[in-house]
């Protein structure tokens, strides 16, 4: 059984920082492409950042230079470090796991991030 369990998030003031974590079990994490997505009210879900099994990363233009995605294959855990947060970063953030050669991908339960003074 695949489990994708997120932690972190919450309320932070503009300019603050947060770290999201995503613990994965039931798949071979080390060879899976992993990503963070977010969905703001009234908007479509969008890719925030992704990381390949080899550690290659890509980011949405809106978060470049502020967010850092990383993975710890020994702990089967994905992270998203978010710095210099802005009100427009407010959204529900989702962890996504894409194992190779599988017809489906897997999603975490979602974590609310609210940036407000």
C-alpha atoms as a PDB file:
ATOM      1  CA  UNK A   1       0.000   0.000   0.000  1.00  0.00           C
ATOM      2  CA  UNK A   2       1.387   3.360  -1.061  1.00  0.00           C
ATOM      3  CA  UNK A   3       1.358   6.150   1.486  1.00  0.00           C
ATOM      4  CA  UNK A   4       2.287   9.780   0.857  1.00  0.00           C
ATOM      5  CA  UNK A   5       2.115  11.691   4.122  1.00  0.00           C
ATOM      6  CA  UNK A   6       2.759  15.412   4.301  1.00  0.00           C
ATOM      7  CA  UNK A   7       3.707  17.546   7.280  1.00  0.00           C
ATOM      8  CA  UNK A   8       4.582  21.164   7.865  1.00  0.00           C
ATOM      9  CA  UNK A   9       2.770  24.212   6.613  1.00  0.00           C
ATOM     10  CA  UNK A  10       0.647  26.649   8.573  1.00  0.00           C
ATOM     11  CA  UNK A  11       0.364  30.405   8.960  1.00  0.00           C
ATOM     12  CA  UNK A  12       3.365  32.661   8.413  1.00  0.00           C
ATOM     13  CA  UNK A  13       3.899  36.379   7.950  1.00  0.00           C
ATOM     14  CA  UNK A  14       5.095  37.788   4.631  1.00  0.00           C
ATOM     15  CA  UNK A  15       8.845  37.377   4.356  1.00  0.00           C
ATOM     16  CA  UNK A  16       8.819  34.344   6.607  1.00  0.00           C
ATOM     17  CA  UNK A  17       9.877  30.770   5.979  1.00  0.00           C
ATOM     18  CA  UNK A  18       8.344  27.326   6.182  1.00  0.00           C
ATOM     19  CA  UNK A  19       9.427  23.785   5.388  1.00  0.00           C
ATOM     20  CA  UNK A  20       7.152  21.095   4.052  1.00  0.00           C
ATOM     21  CA  UNK A  21       7.960  17.406   4.333  1.00  0.00           C
ATOM     22  CA  UNK A  22       6.556  14.405   2.490  1.00  0.00           C
ATOM     23  CA  UNK A  23       7.224  10.877   3.725  1.00  0.00           C
ATOM     24  CA  UNK A  24       6.634   8.140   1.173  1.00  0.00           C
ATOM     25  CA  UNK A  25       6.267   4.388   1.566  1.00  0.00           C
ATOM     26  CA  UNK A  26       5.176   1.541  -0.667  1.00  0.00           C
ATOM     27  CA  UNK A  27       7.156   2.616  -3.739  1.00  0.00           C
ATOM     28  CA  UNK A  28      10.822   2.758  -4.627  1.00  0.00           C
ATOM     29  CA  UNK A  29      11.307   6.353  -3.615  1.00  0.00           C
ATOM     30  CA  UNK A  30      14.869   6.702  -4.835  1.00  0.00           C
ATOM     31  CA  UNK A  31      13.953   6.115  -8.484  1.00  0.00           C
ATOM     32  CA  UNK A  32      10.744   8.144  -8.445  1.00  0.00           C
ATOM     33  CA  UNK A  33      10.303  11.622  -9.802  1.00  0.00           C
ATOM     34  CA  UNK A  34       8.919  13.791  -7.010  1.00  0.00           C
ATOM     35  CA  UNK A  35       7.195  17.121  -7.039  1.00  0.00           C
ATOM     36  CA  UNK A  36       5.327  19.769  -5.093  1.00  0.00           C
ATOM     37  CA  UNK A  37       2.161  21.304  -6.497  1.00  0.00           C
ATOM     38  CA  UNK A  38      -0.158  23.934  -5.108  1.00  0.00           C
ATOM     39  CA  UNK A  39      -3.723  25.031  -5.595  1.00  0.00           C
ATOM     40  CA  UNK A  40      -5.051  28.404  -4.558  1.00  0.00           C
ATOM     41  CA  UNK A  41      -8.780  29.084  -4.192  1.00  0.00           C
ATOM     42  CA  UNK A  42     -10.408  29.433  -7.577  1.00  0.00           C
ATOM     43  CA  UNK A  43      -7.265  28.440  -9.443  1.00  0.00           C
ATOM     44  CA  UNK A  44      -5.988  25.282 -11.063  1.00  0.00           C
ATOM     45  CA  UNK A  45      -3.357  23.117  -9.443  1.00  0.00           C
ATOM     46  CA  UNK A  46       0.117  24.146 -10.593  1.00  0.00           C
ATOM     47  CA  UNK A  47       3.592  22.705 -10.392  1.00  0.00           C
ATOM     48  CA  UNK A  48       5.779  24.476  -7.846  1.00  0.00           C
ATOM     49  CA  UNK A  49       8.948  22.390  -8.018  1.00  0.00           C
ATOM     50  CA  UNK A  50      10.089  18.948  -9.099  1.00  0.00           C
ATOM     51  CA  UNK A  51      13.145  16.780  -8.634  1.00  0.00           C
ATOM     52  CA  UNK A  52      14.220  13.748 -10.618  1.00  0.00           C
ATOM     53  CA  UNK A  53      15.726  10.584  -9.220  1.00  0.00           C
ATOM     54  CA  UNK A  54      19.107  11.988 -10.221  1.00  0.00           C
ATOM     55  CA  UNK A  55      18.558  15.205  -8.322  1.00  0.00           C
ATOM     56  CA  UNK A  56      17.806  17.511 -11.244  1.00  0.00           C
ATOM     57  CA  UNK A  57      15.382  20.220 -10.160  1.00  0.00           C
ATOM     58  CA  UNK A  58      13.018  22.622 -11.858  1.00  0.00           C
ATOM     59  CA  UNK A  59      10.903  25.403 -10.433  1.00  0.00           C
ATOM     60  CA  UNK A  60       7.976  27.571 -11.365  1.00  0.00           C
ATOM     61  CA  UNK A  61       9.179  31.034 -12.296  1.00  0.00           C
ATOM     62  CA  UNK A  62       7.182  32.507  -9.430  1.00  0.00           C
ATOM     63  CA  UNK A  63       9.217  30.646  -6.794  1.00  0.00           C
ATOM     64  CA  UNK A  64      12.694  30.573  -8.308  1.00  0.00           C
ATOM     65  CA  UNK A  65      15.301  31.819  -5.881  1.00  0.00           C
ATOM     66  CA  UNK A  66      12.920  31.525  -2.923  1.00  0.00           C
ATOM     67  CA  UNK A  67      11.959  27.843  -2.746  1.00  0.00           C
ATOM     68  CA  UNK A  68      14.242  24.810  -2.636  1.00  0.00           C
ATOM     69  CA  UNK A  69      13.157  21.254  -3.283  1.00  0.00           C
ATOM     70  CA  UNK A  70      15.280  18.427  -1.945  1.00  0.00           C
ATOM     71  CA  UNK A  71      15.066  14.736  -1.231  1.00  0.00           C
ATOM     72  CA  UNK A  72      16.575  12.318   1.265  1.00  0.00           C
ATOM     73  CA  UNK A  73      16.497   8.881  -0.318  1.00  0.00           C
ATOM     74  CA  UNK A  74      17.699   7.228   2.892  1.00  0.00           C
ATOM     75  CA  UNK A  75      14.580   8.533   4.649  1.00  0.00           C
ATOM     76  CA  UNK A  76      12.202   8.264   1.674  1.00  0.00           C
ATOM     77  CA  UNK A  77      11.325  11.901   2.276  1.00  0.00           C
ATOM     78  CA  UNK A  78      10.845  14.932   0.070  1.00  0.00           C
ATOM     79  CA  UNK A  79      11.201  18.503   1.318  1.00  0.00           C
ATOM     80  CA  UNK A  80      10.258  21.979   0.190  1.00  0.00           C
ATOM     81  CA  UNK A  81      12.002  24.858   1.865  1.00  0.00           C
ATOM     82  CA  UNK A  82      10.088  28.093   1.301  1.00  0.00           C
ATOM     83  CA  UNK A  83      11.764  31.430   2.041  1.00  0.00           C
ATOM     84  CA  UNK A  84      10.662  35.024   1.508  1.00  0.00           C
ATOM     85  CA  UNK A  85       7.055  33.925   1.438  1.00  0.00           C
ATOM     86  CA  UNK A  86       4.494  36.200  -0.175  1.00  0.00           C
ATOM     87  CA  UNK A  87       0.714  36.392   0.224  1.00  0.00           C
ATOM     88  CA  UNK A  88       0.370  34.992  -3.297  1.00  0.00           C
ATOM     89  CA  UNK A  89       2.061  31.793  -2.112  1.00  0.00           C
ATOM     90  CA  UNK A  90      -1.044  31.054  -0.072  1.00  0.00           C
ATOM     91  CA  UNK A  91      -2.462  27.727  -1.259  1.00  0.00           C
ATOM     92  CA  UNK A  92      -2.885  24.079  -0.435  1.00  0.00           C
ATOM     93  CA  UNK A  93       0.381  22.341  -1.243  1.00  0.00           C
ATOM     94  CA  UNK A  94       0.465  18.749  -2.474  1.00  0.00           C
ATOM     95  CA  UNK A  95       3.286  16.237  -2.693  1.00  0.00           C
ATOM     96  CA  UNK A  96       3.361  14.070  -5.817  1.00  0.00           C
ATOM     97  CA  UNK A  97       5.224  10.825  -6.455  1.00  0.00           C
ATOM     98  CA  UNK A  98       5.744   9.417  -9.960  1.00  0.00           C
ATOM     99  CA  UNK A  99       7.330   5.983  -9.861  1.00  0.00           C
ATOM    100  CA  UNK A 100       8.778   4.879 -13.205  1.00  0.00           C
ATOM    101  CA  UNK A 101       6.895   2.365 -15.313  1.00  0.00           C
ATOM    102  CA  UNK A 102       3.681   2.754 -13.320  1.00  0.00           C
ATOM    103  CA  UNK A 103       0.449   3.966 -14.915  1.00  0.00           C
ATOM    104  CA  UNK A 104      -0.502   6.158 -11.978  1.00  0.00           C
ATOM    105  CA  UNK A 105       1.094   8.659  -9.695  1.00  0.00           C
ATOM    106  CA  UNK A 106       0.401   9.272  -6.024  1.00  0.00           C
ATOM    107  CA  UNK A 107      -0.633  12.352  -4.068  1.00  0.00           C
ATOM    108  CA  UNK A 108      -0.294  13.479  -0.492  1.00  0.00           C
ATOM    109  CA  UNK A 109      -3.230  14.714   1.525  1.00  0.00           C
ATOM    110  CA  UNK A 110      -2.460  18.388   1.035  1.00  0.00           C
ATOM    111  CA  UNK A 111      -1.153  20.996   3.465  1.00  0.00           C
ATOM    112  CA  UNK A 112      -2.455  24.523   3.878  1.00  0.00           C
ATOM    113  CA  UNK A 113       0.094  27.322   3.664  1.00  0.00           C
ATOM    114  CA  UNK A 114      -1.217  30.783   4.506  1.00  0.00           C
ATOM    115  CA  UNK A 115       0.944  33.874   4.178  1.00  0.00           C
ATOM    116  CA  UNK A 116      -0.669  36.804   5.920  1.00  0.00           C
ATOM    117  CA  UNK A 117       0.091  39.579   8.351  1.00  0.00           C
END
